[in-house]
Amino acid sequence: MQNLIKNQVIKRFTVDVDTGQGASALALLSIGPNMPVPRVARELKTVRGVDVVHEITGQYDICVLIHAPNIGEINRSVDDIRGVEGVSTTNTVIILRSIR
């Protein structure tokens, strides 16, 4: 383990707590053609409620996982995401149930 940390194979440790409370959503984003997707992805990570940002292939450029205390806060996060420079369209779905 120490060797993996030393060689930066393991970069960080985290705790993933699922209290069963709150709301989650996936937002699929299209990014404008003149905007670098990695730059938008880094900016999205600073938005309140955004947990994970994935650059993806297909119809959309980015998929964002949002966690918040309630649907109203999810909506505020989506509004903030729409305000990020380069985001041209969003398609957001609320997560009803997760099976792990």
PDB file of N, CA and C in Angstrom:
ATOM      1  N   MET A   1       0.826  -1.175   0.000  1.00  0.00           N
ATOM      2  CA  MET A   1       0.000   0.000   0.000  1.00  0.00           C
ATOM      3  C   MET A   1       0.880   1.252   0.000  1.00  0.00           C
ATOM      4  N   GLN A   2       1.885   1.269   0.864  1.00  0.00           N
ATOM      5  CA  GLN A   2       2.761   2.436   0.933  1.00  0.00           C
ATOM      6  C   GLN A   2       3.466   2.674  -0.402  1.00  0.00           C
ATOM      7  N   ASN A   3       3.848   1.584  -1.076  1.00  0.00           N
ATOM      8  CA  ASN A   3       4.503   1.699  -2.367  1.00  0.00           C
ATOM      9  C   ASN A   3       3.563   2.295  -3.414  1.00  0.00           C
ATOM     10  N   LEU A   4       2.298   1.886  -3.389  1.00  0.00           N
ATOM     11  CA  LEU A   4       1.316   2.437  -4.322  1.00  0.00           C
ATOM     12  C   LEU A   4       1.105   3.927  -4.084  1.00  0.00           C
ATOM     13  N   ILE A   5       1.104   4.327  -2.835  1.00  0.00           N
ATOM     14  CA  ILE A   5       0.957   5.751  -2.510  1.00  0.00           C
ATOM     15  C   ILE A   5       2.198   6.508  -2.961  1.00  0.00           C
ATOM     16  N   LYS A   6       3.367   5.962  -2.653  1.00  0.00           N
ATOM     17  CA  LYS A   6       4.634   6.609  -3.010  1.00  0.00           C
ATOM     18  C   LYS A   6       4.752   6.793  -4.517  1.00  0.00           C
ATOM     19  N   ASN A   7       4.333   5.783  -5.284  1.00  0.00           N
ATOM     20  CA  ASN A   7       4.412   5.846  -6.750  1.00  0.00           C
ATOM     21  C   ASN A   7       3.200   6.526  -7.382  1.00  0.00           C
ATOM     22  N   GLN A   8       2.365   7.108  -6.569  1.00  0.00           N
ATOM     23  CA  GLN A   8       1.182   7.867  -6.981  1.00  0.00           C
ATOM     24  C   GLN A   8       0.193   7.049  -7.801  1.00  0.00           C
ATOM     25  N   VAL A   9       0.180   5.730  -7.587  1.00  0.00           N
ATOM     26  CA  VAL A   9      -0.874   4.893  -8.166  1.00  0.00           C
ATOM     27  C   VAL A   9      -2.162   5.177  -7.412  1.00  0.00           C
ATOM     28  N   ILE A  10      -2.063   5.284  -6.090  1.00  0.00           N
ATOM     29  CA  ILE A  10      -3.182   5.738  -5.260  1.00  0.00           C
ATOM     30  C   ILE A  10      -2.953   7.217  -5.010  1.00  0.00           C
ATOM     31  N   LYS A  11      -3.873   8.038  -5.505  1.00  0.00           N
ATOM     32  CA  LYS A  11      -3.702   9.482  -5.403  1.00  0.00           C
ATOM     33  C   LYS A  11      -4.432  10.101  -4.226  1.00  0.00           C
ATOM     34  N   ARG A  12      -5.514   9.460  -3.778  1.00  0.00           N
ATOM     35  CA  ARG A  12      -6.243  10.001  -2.636  1.00  0.00           C
ATOM     36  C   ARG A  12      -7.153   8.938  -2.066  1.00  0.00           C
ATOM     37  N   PHE A  13      -7.593   9.165  -0.835  1.00  0.00           N
ATOM     38  CA  PHE A  13      -8.561   8.311  -0.165  1.00  0.00           C
ATOM     39  C   PHE A  13      -9.814   9.139   0.060  1.00  0.00           C
ATOM     40  N   THR A  14     -10.958   8.477   0.035  1.00  0.00           N
ATOM     41  CA  THR A  14     -12.205   9.195   0.261  1.00  0.00           C
ATOM     42  C   THR A  14     -13.193   8.284   0.973  1.00  0.00           C
ATOM     43  N   VAL A  15     -14.224   8.887   1.519  1.00  0.00           N
ATOM     44  CA  VAL A  15     -15.309   8.153   2.145  1.00  0.00           C
ATOM     45  C   VAL A  15     -16.572   8.480   1.366  1.00  0.00           C
ATOM     46  N   ASP A  16     -17.284   7.452   0.937  1.00  0.00           N
ATOM     47  CA  ASP A  16     -18.530   7.620   0.191  1.00  0.00           C
ATOM     48  C   ASP A  16     -19.666   7.181   1.098  1.00  0.00           C
ATOM     49  N   VAL A  17     -20.379   8.156   1.668  1.00  0.00           N
ATOM     50  CA  VAL A  17     -21.434   7.876   2.627  1.00  0.00           C
ATOM     51  C   VAL A  17     -22.782   8.023   1.940  1.00  0.00           C
ATOM     52  N   ASP A  18     -23.618   7.009   2.083  1.00  0.00           N
ATOM     53  CA  ASP A  18     -24.972   7.058   1.531  1.00  0.00           C
ATOM     54  C   ASP A  18     -25.948   7.046   2.693  1.00  0.00           C
ATOM     55  N   THR A  19     -26.487   8.210   3.009  1.00  0.00           N
ATOM     56  CA  THR A  19     -27.425   8.308   4.126  1.00  0.00           C
ATOM     57  C   THR A  19     -28.846   7.975   3.694  1.00  0.00           C
ATOM     58  N   GLY A  20     -29.052   7.820   2.366  1.00  0.00           N
ATOM     59  CA  GLY A  20     -30.390   7.540   1.873  1.00  0.00           C
ATOM     60  C   GLY A  20     -31.265   8.784   1.826  1.00  0.00           C
ATOM     61  N   GLN A  21     -30.703   9.926   2.148  1.00  0.00           N
ATOM     62  CA  GLN A  21     -31.458  11.170   2.148  1.00  0.00           C
ATOM     63  C   GLN A  21     -30.988  12.046   0.995  1.00  0.00           C
ATOM     64  N   GLY A  22     -31.833  12.979   0.602  1.00  0.00           N
ATOM     65  CA  GLY A  22     -31.464  13.910  -0.444  1.00  0.00           C
ATOM     66  C   GLY A  22     -31.927  13.435  -1.805  1.00  0.00           C
ATOM     67  N   ALA A  23     -31.428  14.121  -2.810  1.00  0.00           N
ATOM     68  CA  ALA A  23     -31.811  13.839  -4.187  1.00  0.00           C
ATOM     69  C   ALA A  23     -30.558  13.811  -5.044  1.00  0.00           C
ATOM     70  N   SER A  24     -30.644  13.067  -6.134  1.00  0.00           N
ATOM     71  CA  SER A  24     -29.534  12.980  -7.082  1.00  0.00           C
ATOM     72  C   SER A  24     -30.090  13.106  -8.492  1.00  0.00           C
ATOM     73  N   ALA A  25     -29.239  13.584  -9.392  1.00  0.00           N
ATOM     74  CA  ALA A  25     -29.636  13.739 -10.785  1.00  0.00           C
ATOM     75  C   ALA A  25     -28.422  13.566 -11.684  1.00  0.00           C
ATOM     76  N   LEU A  26     -28.690  13.219 -12.932  1.00  0.00           N
ATOM     77  CA  LEU A  26     -27.684  13.207 -13.979  1.00  0.00           C
ATOM     78  C   LEU A  26     -28.044  14.303 -14.964  1.00  0.00           C
ATOM     79  N   ALA A  27     -27.076  15.128 -15.302  1.00  0.00           N
ATOM     80  CA  ALA A  27     -27.285  16.176 -16.300  1.00  0.00           C
ATOM     81  C   ALA A  27     -26.380  15.878 -17.489  1.00  0.00           C
ATOM     82  N   LEU A  28     -26.986  15.726 -18.657  1.00  0.00           N
ATOM     83  CA  LEU A  28     -26.241  15.500 -19.895  1.00  0.00           C
ATOM     84  C   LEU A  28     -26.104  16.847 -20.588  1.00  0.00           C
ATOM     85  N   LEU A  29     -24.868  17.218 -20.925  1.00  0.00           N
ATOM     86  CA  LEU A  29     -24.595  18.567 -21.436  1.00  0.00           C
ATOM     87  C   LEU A  29     -23.976  18.530 -22.820  1.00  0.00           C
ATOM     88  N   SER A  30     -24.416  19.453 -23.661  1.00  0.00           N
ATOM     89  CA  SER A  30     -23.749  19.709 -24.931  1.00  0.00           C
ATOM     90  C   SER A  30     -22.923  20.974 -24.753  1.00  0.00           C
ATOM     91  N   ILE A  31     -21.701  20.942 -25.266  1.00  0.00           N
ATOM     92  CA  ILE A  31     -20.777  22.060 -25.146  1.00  0.00           C
ATOM     93  C   ILE A  31     -20.623  22.701 -26.518  1.00  0.00           C
ATOM     94  N   GLY A  32     -20.572  24.029 -26.543  1.00  0.00           N
ATOM     95  CA  GLY A  32     -20.415  24.755 -27.803  1.00  0.00           C
ATOM     96  C   GLY A  32     -19.168  24.329 -28.552  1.00  0.00           C
ATOM     97  N   PRO A  33     -19.204  24.415 -29.895  1.00  0.00           N
ATOM     98  CA  PRO A  33     -18.103  23.899 -30.715  1.00  0.00           C
ATOM     99  C   PRO A  33     -16.776  24.640 -30.536  1.00  0.00           C
ATOM    100  N   ASN A  34     -16.805  25.871 -30.090  1.00  0.00           N
ATOM    101  CA  ASN A  34     -15.577  26.649 -29.953  1.00  0.00           C
ATOM    102  C   ASN A  34     -15.027  26.663 -28.538  1.00  0.00           C
ATOM    103  N   MET A  35     -15.570  25.820 -27.667  1.00  0.00           N
ATOM    104  CA  MET A  35     -15.153  25.802 -26.265  1.00  0.00           C
ATOM    105  C   MET A  35     -14.490  24.460 -25.950  1.00  0.00           C
ATOM    106  N   PRO A  36     -13.284  24.481 -25.393  1.00  0.00           N
ATOM    107  CA  PRO A  36     -12.635  23.214 -25.020  1.00  0.00           C
ATOM    108  C   PRO A  36     -13.412  22.490 -23.913  1.00  0.00           C
ATOM    109  N   VAL A  37     -13.787  21.249 -24.169  1.00  0.00           N
ATOM    110  CA  VAL A  37     -14.581  20.473 -23.218  1.00  0.00           C
ATOM    111  C   VAL A  37     -13.860  20.327 -21.874  1.00  0.00           C
ATOM    112  N   PRO A  38     -12.551  20.043 -21.839  1.00  0.00           N
ATOM    113  CA  PRO A  38     -11.884  19.920 -20.534  1.00  0.00           C
ATOM    114  C   PRO A  38     -11.971  21.197 -19.686  1.00  0.00           C
ATOM    115  N   ARG A  39     -11.935  22.351 -20.320  1.00  0.00           N
ATOM    116  CA  ARG A  39     -12.041  23.611 -19.578  1.00  0.00           C
ATOM    117  C   ARG A  39     -13.428  23.729 -18.941  1.00  0.00           C
ATOM    118  N   VAL A  40     -14.466  23.400 -19.712  1.00  0.00           N
ATOM    119  CA  VAL A  40     -15.834  23.449 -19.177  1.00  0.00           C
ATOM    120  C   VAL A  40     -15.984  22.433 -18.045  1.00  0.00           C
ATOM    121  N   ALA A  41     -15.424  21.240 -18.228  1.00  0.00           N
ATOM    122  CA  ALA A  41     -15.519  20.190 -17.209  1.00  0.00           C
ATOM    123  C   ALA A  41     -14.910  20.661 -15.885  1.00  0.00           C
ATOM    124  N   ARG A  42     -13.755  21.300 -15.939  1.00  0.00           N
ATOM    125  CA  ARG A  42     -13.119  21.804 -14.709  1.00  0.00           C
ATOM    126  C   ARG A  42     -13.983  22.866 -14.039  1.00  0.00           C
ATOM    127  N   GLU A  43     -14.586  23.736 -14.824  1.00  0.00           N
ATOM    128  CA  GLU A  43     -15.454  24.781 -14.268  1.00  0.00           C
ATOM    129  C   GLU A  43     -16.703  24.169 -13.637  1.00  0.00           C
ATOM    130  N   LEU A  44     -17.250  23.146 -14.265  1.00  0.00           N
ATOM    131  CA  LEU A  44     -18.455  22.499 -13.730  1.00  0.00           C
ATOM    132  C   LEU A  44     -18.206  21.888 -12.360  1.00  0.00           C
ATOM    133  N   LYS A  45     -17.004  21.391 -12.132  1.00  0.00           N
ATOM    134  CA  LYS A  45     -16.688  20.754 -10.844  1.00  0.00           C
ATOM    135  C   LYS A  45     -16.789  21.744  -9.695  1.00  0.00           C
ATOM    136  N   THR A  46     -16.734  23.045  -9.967  1.00  0.00           N
ATOM    137  CA  THR A  46     -16.824  24.062  -8.921  1.00  0.00           C
ATOM    138  C   THR A  46     -18.270  24.433  -8.586  1.00  0.00           C
ATOM    139  N   VAL A  47     -19.227  23.949  -9.368  1.00  0.00           N
ATOM    140  CA  VAL A  47     -20.638  24.284  -9.146  1.00  0.00           C
ATOM    141  C   VAL A  47     -21.152  23.528  -7.919  1.00  0.00           C
ATOM    142  N   ARG A  48     -21.845  24.249  -7.053  1.00  0.00           N
ATOM    143  CA  ARG A  48     -22.425  23.638  -5.838  1.00  0.00           C
ATOM    144  C   ARG A  48     -23.342  22.475  -6.212  1.00  0.00           C
ATOM    145  N   GLY A  49     -23.147  21.343  -5.564  1.00  0.00           N
ATOM    146  CA  GLY A  49     -23.971  20.163  -5.801  1.00  0.00           C
ATOM    147  C   GLY A  49     -23.382  19.191  -6.804  1.00  0.00           C
ATOM    148  N   VAL A  50     -22.431  19.650  -7.618  1.00  0.00           N
ATOM    149  CA  VAL A  50     -21.822  18.764  -8.610  1.00  0.00           C
ATOM    150  C   VAL A  50     -20.836  17.848  -7.900  1.00  0.00           C
ATOM    151  N   ASP A  51     -21.057  16.547  -8.045  1.00  0.00           N
ATOM    152  CA  ASP A  51     -20.207  15.557  -7.392  1.00  0.00           C
ATOM    153  C   ASP A  51     -19.143  15.030  -8.340  1.00  0.00           C
ATOM    154  N   VAL A  52     -19.569  14.625  -9.544  1.00  0.00           N
ATOM    155  CA  VAL A  52     -18.650  14.036 -10.522  1.00  0.00           C
ATOM    156  C   VAL A  52     -18.960  14.610 -11.902  1.00  0.00           C
ATOM    157  N   VAL A  53     -17.905  14.872 -12.665  1.00  0.00           N
ATOM    158  CA  VAL A  53     -18.044  15.334 -14.049  1.00  0.00           C
ATOM    159  C   VAL A  53     -17.353  14.311 -14.939  1.00  0.00           C
ATOM    160  N   HIS A  54     -18.104  13.775 -15.915  1.00  0.00           N
ATOM    161  CA  HIS A  54     -17.560  12.799 -16.865  1.00  0.00           C
ATOM    162  C   HIS A  54     -17.568  13.411 -18.261  1.00  0.00           C
ATOM    163  N   GLU A  55     -16.432  13.356 -18.961  1.00  0.00           N
ATOM    164  CA  GLU A  55     -16.427  13.664 -20.388  1.00  0.00           C
ATOM    165  C   GLU A  55     -16.820  12.371 -21.089  1.00  0.00           C
ATOM    166  N   ILE A  56     -17.797  12.454 -22.002  1.00  0.00           N
ATOM    167  CA  ILE A  56     -18.369  11.249 -22.608  1.00  0.00           C
ATOM    168  C   ILE A  56     -18.405  11.360 -24.128  1.00  0.00           C
ATOM    169  N   THR A  57     -18.719  10.240 -24.771  1.00  0.00           N
ATOM    170  CA  THR A  57     -18.900  10.227 -26.224  1.00  0.00           C
ATOM    171  C   THR A  57     -20.391  10.118 -26.522  1.00  0.00           C
ATOM    172  N   GLY A  58     -20.752  10.400 -27.756  1.00  0.00           N
ATOM    173  CA  GLY A  58     -22.147  10.278 -28.174  1.00  0.00           C
ATOM    174  C   GLY A  58     -22.785  11.633 -28.398  1.00  0.00           C
ATOM    175  N   GLN A  59     -24.085  11.680 -28.211  1.00  0.00           N
ATOM    176  CA  GLN A  59     -24.863  12.889 -28.464  1.00  0.00           C
ATOM    177  C   GLN A  59     -24.445  14.046 -27.558  1.00  0.00           C
ATOM    178  N   TYR A  60     -24.024  13.738 -26.350  1.00  0.00           N
ATOM    179  CA  TYR A  60     -23.638  14.762 -25.379  1.00  0.00           C
ATOM    180  C   TYR A  60     -22.135  14.712 -25.141  1.00  0.00           C
ATOM    181  N   ASP A  61     -21.612  15.795 -24.601  1.00  0.00           N
ATOM    182  CA  ASP A  61     -20.175  15.913 -24.355  1.00  0.00           C
ATOM    183  C   ASP A  61     -19.787  15.618 -22.910  1.00  0.00           C
ATOM    184  N   ILE A  62     -20.685  15.938 -21.985  1.00  0.00           N
ATOM    185  CA  ILE A  62     -20.396  15.806 -20.556  1.00  0.00           C
ATOM    186  C   ILE A  62     -21.620  15.246 -19.837  1.00  0.00           C
ATOM    187  N   CYS A  63     -21.372  14.394 -18.839  1.00  0.00           N
ATOM    188  CA  CYS A  63     -22.409  13.913 -17.924  1.00  0.00           C
ATOM    189  C   CYS A  63     -21.996  14.335 -16.514  1.00  0.00           C
ATOM    190  N   VAL A  64     -22.907  14.992 -15.817  1.00  0.00           N
ATOM    191  CA  VAL A  64     -22.629  15.502 -14.477  1.00  0.00           C
ATOM    192  C   VAL A  64     -23.533  14.787 -13.476  1.00  0.00           C
ATOM    193  N   LEU A  65     -22.937  14.281 -12.394  1.00  0.00           N
ATOM    194  CA  LEU A  65     -23.699  13.703 -11.294  1.00  0.00           C
ATOM    195  C   LEU A  65     -23.872  14.776 -10.228  1.00  0.00           C
ATOM    196  N   ILE A  66     -25.125  15.038  -9.878  1.00  0.00           N
ATOM    197  CA  ILE A  66     -25.455  16.094  -8.914  1.00  0.00           C
ATOM    198  C   ILE A  66     -26.089  15.455  -7.682  1.00  0.00           C
ATOM    199  N   HIS A  67     -25.652  15.874  -6.500  1.00  0.00           N
ATOM    200  CA  HIS A  67     -26.267  15.470  -5.233  1.00  0.00           C
ATOM    201  C   HIS A  67     -26.668  16.733  -4.492  1.00  0.00           C
ATOM    202  N   ALA A  68     -27.861  16.716  -3.892  1.00  0.00           N
ATOM    203  CA  ALA A  68     -28.343  17.873  -3.138  1.00  0.00           C
ATOM    204  C   ALA A  68     -29.350  17.398  -2.089  1.00  0.00           C
ATOM    205  N   PRO A  69     -29.639  18.250  -1.118  1.00  0.00           N
ATOM    206  CA  PRO A  69     -30.588  17.867  -0.072  1.00  0.00           C
ATOM    207  C   PRO A  69     -32.016  17.649  -0.568  1.00  0.00           C
ATOM    208  N   ASN A  70     -32.385  18.322  -1.679  1.00  0.00           N
ATOM    209  CA  ASN A  70     -33.760  18.214  -2.182  1.00  0.00           C
ATOM    210  C   ASN A  70     -33.800  18.596  -3.660  1.00  0.00           C
ATOM    211  N   ILE A  71     -34.950  18.406  -4.284  1.00  0.00           N
ATOM    212  CA  ILE A  71     -35.112  18.690  -5.714  1.00  0.00           C
ATOM    213  C   ILE A  71     -34.921  20.180  -6.006  1.00  0.00           C
ATOM    214  N   GLY A  72     -35.344  21.028  -5.102  1.00  0.00           N
ATOM    215  CA  GLY A  72     -35.148  22.463  -5.298  1.00  0.00           C
ATOM    216  C   GLY A  72     -33.673  22.821  -5.428  1.00  0.00           C
ATOM    217  N   GLU A  73     -32.837  22.191  -4.608  1.00  0.00           N
ATOM    218  CA  GLU A  73     -31.389  22.430  -4.690  1.00  0.00           C
ATOM    219  C   GLU A  73     -30.804  21.834  -5.969  1.00  0.00           C
ATOM    220  N   ILE A  74     -31.342  20.703  -6.410  1.00  0.00           N
ATOM    221  CA  ILE A  74     -30.932  20.147  -7.706  1.00  0.00           C
ATOM    222  C   ILE A  74     -31.224  21.169  -8.797  1.00  0.00           C
ATOM    223  N   ASN A  75     -32.409  21.758  -8.758  1.00  0.00           N
ATOM    224  CA  ASN A  75     -32.801  22.755  -9.752  1.00  0.00           C
ATOM    225  C   ASN A  75     -31.845  23.949  -9.738  1.00  0.00           C
ATOM    226  N   ARG A  76     -31.453  24.396  -8.543  1.00  0.00           N
ATOM    227  CA  ARG A  76     -30.504  25.511  -8.451  1.00  0.00           C
ATOM    228  C   ARG A  76     -29.151  25.128  -9.047  1.00  0.00           C
ATOM    229  N   SER A  77     -28.717  23.904  -8.795  1.00  0.00           N
ATOM    230  CA  SER A  77     -27.448  23.441  -9.382  1.00  0.00           C
ATOM    231  C   SER A  77     -27.532  23.412 -10.906  1.00  0.00           C
ATOM    232  N   VAL A  78     -28.649  22.930 -11.429  1.00  0.00           N
ATOM    233  CA  VAL A  78     -28.831  22.887 -12.888  1.00  0.00           C
ATOM    234  C   VAL A  78     -28.827  24.304 -13.457  1.00  0.00           C
ATOM    235  N   ASP A  79     -29.481  25.245 -12.780  1.00  0.00           N
ATOM    236  CA  ASP A  79     -29.447  26.644 -13.222  1.00  0.00           C
ATOM    237  C   ASP A  79     -28.016  27.166 -13.256  1.00  0.00           C
ATOM    238  N   ASP A  80     -27.226  26.828 -12.230  1.00  0.00           N
ATOM    239  CA  ASP A  80     -25.828  27.254 -12.188  1.00  0.00           C
ATOM    240  C   ASP A  80     -25.019  26.601 -13.310  1.00  0.00           C
ATOM    241  N   ILE A  81     -25.300  25.327 -13.581  1.00  0.00           N
ATOM    242  CA  ILE A  81     -24.621  24.624 -14.674  1.00  0.00           C
ATOM    243  C   ILE A  81     -24.916  25.309 -15.999  1.00  0.00           C
ATOM    244  N   ARG A  82     -26.172  25.681 -16.208  1.00  0.00           N
ATOM    245  CA  ARG A  82     -26.554  26.356 -17.460  1.00  0.00           C
ATOM    246  C   ARG A  82     -25.853  27.699 -17.628  1.00  0.00           C
ATOM    247  N   GLY A  83     -25.425  28.277 -16.513  1.00  0.00           N
ATOM    248  CA  GLY A  83     -24.728  29.566 -16.562  1.00  0.00           C
ATOM    249  C   GLY A  83     -23.237  29.455 -16.836  1.00  0.00           C
ATOM    250  N   VAL A  84     -22.704  28.238 -16.859  1.00  0.00           N
ATOM    251  CA  VAL A  84     -21.274  28.052 -17.131  1.00  0.00           C
ATOM    252  C   VAL A  84     -21.007  28.317 -18.612  1.00  0.00           C
ATOM    253  N   GLU A  85     -19.996  29.129 -18.872  1.00  0.00           N
ATOM    254  CA  GLU A  85     -19.654  29.462 -20.245  1.00  0.00           C
ATOM    255  C   GLU A  85     -19.306  28.200 -21.025  1.00  0.00           C
ATOM    256  N   GLY A  86     -19.923  28.047 -22.193  1.00  0.00           N
ATOM    257  CA  GLY A  86     -19.676  26.890 -23.044  1.00  0.00           C
ATOM    258  C   GLY A  86     -20.795  25.870 -23.026  1.00  0.00           C
ATOM    259  N   VAL A  87     -21.615  25.855 -21.974  1.00  0.00           N
ATOM    260  CA  VAL A  87     -22.739  24.910 -21.909  1.00  0.00           C
ATOM    261  C   VAL A  87     -23.839  25.425 -22.825  1.00  0.00           C
ATOM    262  N   SER A  88     -24.170  24.635 -23.852  1.00  0.00           N
ATOM    263  CA  SER A  88     -25.185  25.103 -24.800  1.00  0.00           C
ATOM    264  C   SER A  88     -26.554  24.480 -24.546  1.00  0.00           C
ATOM    265  N   THR A  89     -26.611  23.193 -24.175  1.00  0.00           N
ATOM    266  CA  THR A  89     -27.896  22.564 -23.849  1.00  0.00           C
ATOM    267  C   THR A  89     -27.709  21.596 -22.689  1.00  0.00           C
ATOM    268  N   THR A  90     -28.806  21.359 -21.963  1.00  0.00           N
ATOM    269  CA  THR A  90     -28.788  20.387 -20.870  1.00  0.00           C
ATOM    270  C   THR A  90     -29.995  19.473 -20.990  1.00  0.00           C
ATOM    271  N   ASN A  91     -29.842  18.245 -20.520  1.00  0.00           N
ATOM    272  CA  ASN A  91     -30.936  17.286 -20.413  1.00  0.00           C
ATOM    273  C   ASN A  91     -30.744  16.618 -19.057  1.00  0.00           C
ATOM    274  N   THR A  92     -31.609  16.928 -18.109  1.00  0.00           N
ATOM    275  CA  THR A  92     -31.423  16.461 -16.731  1.00  0.00           C
ATOM    276  C   THR A  92     -32.480  15.436 -16.367  1.00  0.00           C
ATOM    277  N   VAL A  93     -32.036  14.370 -15.702  1.00  0.00           N
ATOM    278  CA  VAL A  93     -32.949  13.336 -15.206  1.00  0.00           C
ATOM    279  C   VAL A  93     -32.705  13.148 -13.715  1.00  0.00           C
ATOM    280  N   ILE A  94     -33.789  12.999 -12.967  1.00  0.00           N
ATOM    281  CA  ILE A  94     -33.699  12.742 -11.526  1.00  0.00           C
ATOM    282  C   ILE A  94     -33.514  11.243 -11.324  1.00  0.00           C
ATOM    283  N   ILE A  95     -32.614  10.885 -10.452  1.00  0.00           N
ATOM    284  CA  ILE A  95     -32.381   9.479 -10.123  1.00  0.00           C
ATOM    285  C   ILE A  95     -33.416   9.036  -9.094  1.00  0.00           C
ATOM    286  N   LEU A  96     -34.207   8.025  -9.447  1.00  0.00           N
ATOM    287  CA  LEU A  96     -35.245   7.520  -8.538  1.00  0.00           C
ATOM    288  C   LEU A  96     -34.694   6.481  -7.573  1.00  0.00           C
ATOM    289  N   ARG A  97     -33.824   5.590  -8.070  1.00  0.00           N
ATOM    290  CA  ARG A  97     -33.296   4.518  -7.232  1.00  0.00           C
ATOM    291  C   ARG A  97     -31.943   4.110  -7.792  1.00  0.00           C
ATOM    292  N   SER A  98     -31.013   3.798  -6.911  1.00  0.00           N
ATOM    293  CA  SER A  98     -29.699   3.293  -7.316  1.00  0.00           C
ATOM    294  C   SER A  98     -29.524   1.905  -6.724  1.00  0.00           C
ATOM    295  N   ILE A  99     -29.054   0.994  -7.536  1.00  0.00           N
ATOM    296  CA  ILE A  99     -28.778  -0.369  -7.099  1.00  0.00           C
ATOM    297  C   ILE A  99     -27.269  -0.552  -7.145  1.00  0.00           C
ATOM    298  N   ARG A 100     -26.689  -0.899  -6.008  1.00  0.00           N
ATOM    299  CA  ARG A 100     -25.208  -1.061  -5.946  1.00  0.00           C
ATOM    300  C   ARG A 100     -24.854  -2.485  -5.713  1.00  0.00           C
TER     301      ARG A 100
END
